[in-house]
Amino acid sequence: MTTDRFGPGADDPLEEIYSLIESLKTMTDSLHEEFDDSEEDTDWRDEWAVSARHGDYGDDWRIIQRRIDREETTMDAVLMGEDQSPEAIRIRQTSEENLSRFEDDLDDEEKEHLDSLRDELSGAAQDLQERIERLTQQLKGL
């Protein structure tokens, strides 16, 4: 506990920043371990883009890939809802339908595990957002 110009009990903003950075590094490392176990994973976007350009995933993805190539949108914008083009909307709707069918096919134990992972991710995101907001407020006082 420090007693500096931020008041008794206030953490030093730099310590908070370092702590946040360390948390982000830990999260990033964990994600890399889970999702980047092989070199094949690093090329999936390139392979996806080639297939999308050829229309292997349908006209909507072909059009979206052209827009990605022209830097008019991104894969993240399409999937996260920022891209409101008709093609992106249809892609998200189809993805939601496919995910719903996938979840319907899971047994109870798998559904519980999926719910647990969602809760864990949501909690981590909320904690991170709260820490960022606290740091932002502390840094405004510098």
Protein backbone atom coordinates (compact mmCIF):
# COMPACT_ATOMS: atom_id res chain seq x y z
CA MET A 1 0.00 0.00 0.00
CA THR A 2 1.39 3.38 -0.93
CA THR A 3 0.66 6.84 0.39
CA ASP A 4 1.55 9.12 -2.45
CA ARG A 5 -0.28 11.91 -4.17
CA PHE A 6 -3.01 9.45 -5.22
CA GLY A 7 -4.03 9.03 -1.60
CA PRO A 8 -3.68 6.32 1.01
CA GLY A 9 -4.18 2.85 -0.38
CA ALA A 10 -3.89 3.95 -3.99
CA ASP A 11 -1.60 1.90 -6.16
CA ASP A 12 1.09 3.63 -8.16
CA PRO A 13 -0.32 3.96 -11.70
CA LEU A 14 2.93 2.65 -13.17
CA GLU A 15 2.69 -0.47 -11.01
CA GLU A 16 -0.87 -0.94 -12.22
CA ILE A 17 0.26 -0.53 -15.83
CA TYR A 18 3.06 -3.05 -15.36
CA SER A 19 0.63 -5.44 -13.72
CA LEU A 20 -1.83 -5.00 -16.57
CA ILE A 21 0.90 -5.57 -19.16
CA GLU A 22 2.00 -8.73 -17.35
CA SER A 23 -1.61 -9.97 -17.26
CA LEU A 24 -1.97 -9.31 -20.96
CA LYS A 25 1.28 -11.15 -21.68
CA THR A 26 0.09 -14.12 -19.64
CA MET A 27 -3.26 -14.13 -21.43
CA THR A 28 -1.56 -13.84 -24.80
CA ASP A 29 0.83 -16.67 -24.00
CA SER A 30 -2.06 -18.84 -22.90
CA LEU A 31 -4.00 -18.11 -26.08
CA HIS A 32 -0.96 -18.84 -28.22
CA GLU A 33 -0.48 -22.17 -26.47
CA GLU A 34 -4.08 -23.13 -27.10
CA PHE A 35 -4.58 -21.83 -30.63
CA ASP A 36 -1.12 -21.77 -32.17
CA ASP A 37 0.25 -25.26 -31.50
CA SER A 38 1.54 -25.78 -35.01
CA GLU A 39 3.01 -23.79 -37.89
CA GLU A 40 -0.01 -24.74 -39.98
CA ASP A 41 -2.12 -22.38 -37.88
CA THR A 42 -0.03 -19.39 -38.95
CA ASP A 43 -0.97 -19.87 -42.59
CA TRP A 44 -4.68 -20.54 -42.18
CA ARG A 45 -5.70 -16.97 -43.03
CA ASP A 46 -3.68 -17.04 -46.25
CA GLU A 47 -5.14 -20.39 -47.22
CA TRP A 48 -8.62 -19.17 -46.28
CA ALA A 49 -8.18 -16.04 -48.39
CA VAL A 50 -7.11 -18.03 -51.46
CA SER A 51 -10.13 -20.32 -51.12
CA ALA A 52 -12.46 -17.37 -50.53
CA ARG A 53 -11.12 -15.58 -53.62
CA HIS A 54 -11.92 -18.69 -55.67
CA GLY A 55 -15.46 -18.74 -54.29
CA ASP A 56 -14.98 -21.98 -52.35
CA TYR A 57 -17.03 -20.58 -49.45
CA GLY A 58 -19.70 -18.95 -51.58
CA ASP A 59 -20.32 -15.59 -53.19
CA ASP A 60 -20.62 -13.66 -49.93
CA TRP A 61 -17.15 -14.71 -48.79
CA ARG A 62 -15.73 -14.07 -52.27
CA ILE A 63 -17.07 -10.49 -52.18
CA ILE A 64 -15.92 -9.96 -48.60
CA GLN A 65 -12.43 -11.27 -49.42
CA ARG A 66 -12.17 -8.78 -52.28
CA ARG A 67 -13.08 -6.02 -49.82
CA ILE A 68 -10.49 -7.34 -47.34
CA ASP A 69 -7.87 -7.33 -50.11
CA ARG A 70 -8.74 -3.68 -50.88
CA GLU A 71 -8.52 -2.92 -47.13
CA GLU A 72 -12.16 -1.83 -47.05
CA THR A 73 -12.93 -4.25 -44.21
CA THR A 74 -11.28 -6.91 -42.08
CA MET A 75 -12.13 -10.45 -41.08
CA ASP A 76 -12.61 -9.22 -37.51
CA ALA A 77 -14.98 -6.45 -38.65
CA VAL A 78 -17.07 -9.00 -40.55
CA LEU A 79 -17.22 -11.49 -37.70
CA MET A 80 -17.66 -8.96 -34.88
CA GLY A 81 -20.50 -7.03 -36.54
CA GLU A 82 -18.70 -3.81 -37.43
CA ASP A 83 -19.08 -4.50 -41.15
CA GLN A 84 -22.75 -3.94 -41.95
CA SER A 85 -22.61 -4.87 -45.62
CA PRO A 86 -25.32 -7.31 -46.78
CA GLU A 87 -22.67 -9.99 -47.34
CA ALA A 88 -21.22 -9.61 -43.85
CA ILE A 89 -24.69 -9.72 -42.30
CA ARG A 90 -25.51 -12.94 -44.18
CA ILE A 91 -22.18 -14.47 -43.15
CA ARG A 92 -22.86 -13.69 -39.48
CA GLN A 93 -26.40 -15.06 -39.72
CA THR A 94 -25.14 -18.28 -41.31
CA SER A 95 -22.41 -18.57 -38.68
CA GLU A 96 -24.95 -18.14 -35.88
CA GLU A 97 -27.20 -20.79 -37.42
CA ASN A 98 -24.27 -23.19 -37.79
CA LEU A 99 -23.12 -22.56 -34.22
CA SER A 100 -26.64 -23.13 -32.94
CA ARG A 101 -26.82 -26.47 -34.78
CA PHE A 102 -23.39 -27.39 -33.41
CA GLU A 103 -24.48 -26.58 -29.85
CA ASP A 104 -27.67 -28.62 -30.30
CA ASP A 105 -25.50 -31.64 -31.13
CA LEU A 106 -23.42 -31.36 -27.93
CA ASP A 107 -24.15 -33.60 -24.98
CA ASP A 108 -24.87 -32.07 -21.55
CA GLU A 109 -21.28 -32.36 -20.32
CA GLU A 110 -19.93 -30.64 -23.44
CA LYS A 111 -22.53 -27.88 -23.11
CA GLU A 112 -21.55 -27.30 -19.49
CA HIS A 113 -17.88 -27.12 -20.47
CA LEU A 114 -18.68 -24.64 -23.27
CA ASP A 115 -20.74 -22.51 -20.87
CA SER A 116 -17.90 -22.59 -18.36
CA LEU A 117 -15.41 -21.43 -20.99
CA ARG A 118 -17.75 -18.62 -22.05
CA ASP A 119 -18.19 -17.50 -18.44
CA GLU A 120 -14.44 -17.59 -17.86
CA LEU A 121 -13.74 -15.56 -21.00
CA SER A 122 -16.49 -13.08 -20.19
CA GLY A 123 -15.16 -12.64 -16.65
CA ALA A 124 -11.61 -12.12 -17.88
CA ALA A 125 -12.79 -9.55 -20.43
CA GLN A 126 -14.81 -7.72 -17.78
CA ASP A 127 -11.88 -7.72 -15.33
CA LEU A 128 -9.57 -6.41 -18.03
CA GLN A 129 -12.03 -3.65 -18.96
CA GLU A 130 -12.36 -2.59 -15.32
CA ARG A 131 -8.58 -2.46 -14.91
CA ILE A 132 -8.22 -0.39 -18.07
CA GLU A 133 -10.88 2.04 -16.84
CA ARG A 134 -9.15 2.38 -13.43
CA LEU A 135 -5.80 2.99 -15.09
CA THR A 136 -7.30 5.52 -17.45
CA GLN A 137 -8.74 7.44 -14.51
CA GLN A 138 -5.43 7.29 -12.64
CA LEU A 139 -3.46 8.43 -15.66
CA LYS A 140 -5.79 11.38 -16.17
CA GLY A 141 -4.68 12.55 -12.72
CA LEU A 142 -0.99 12.59 -13.65
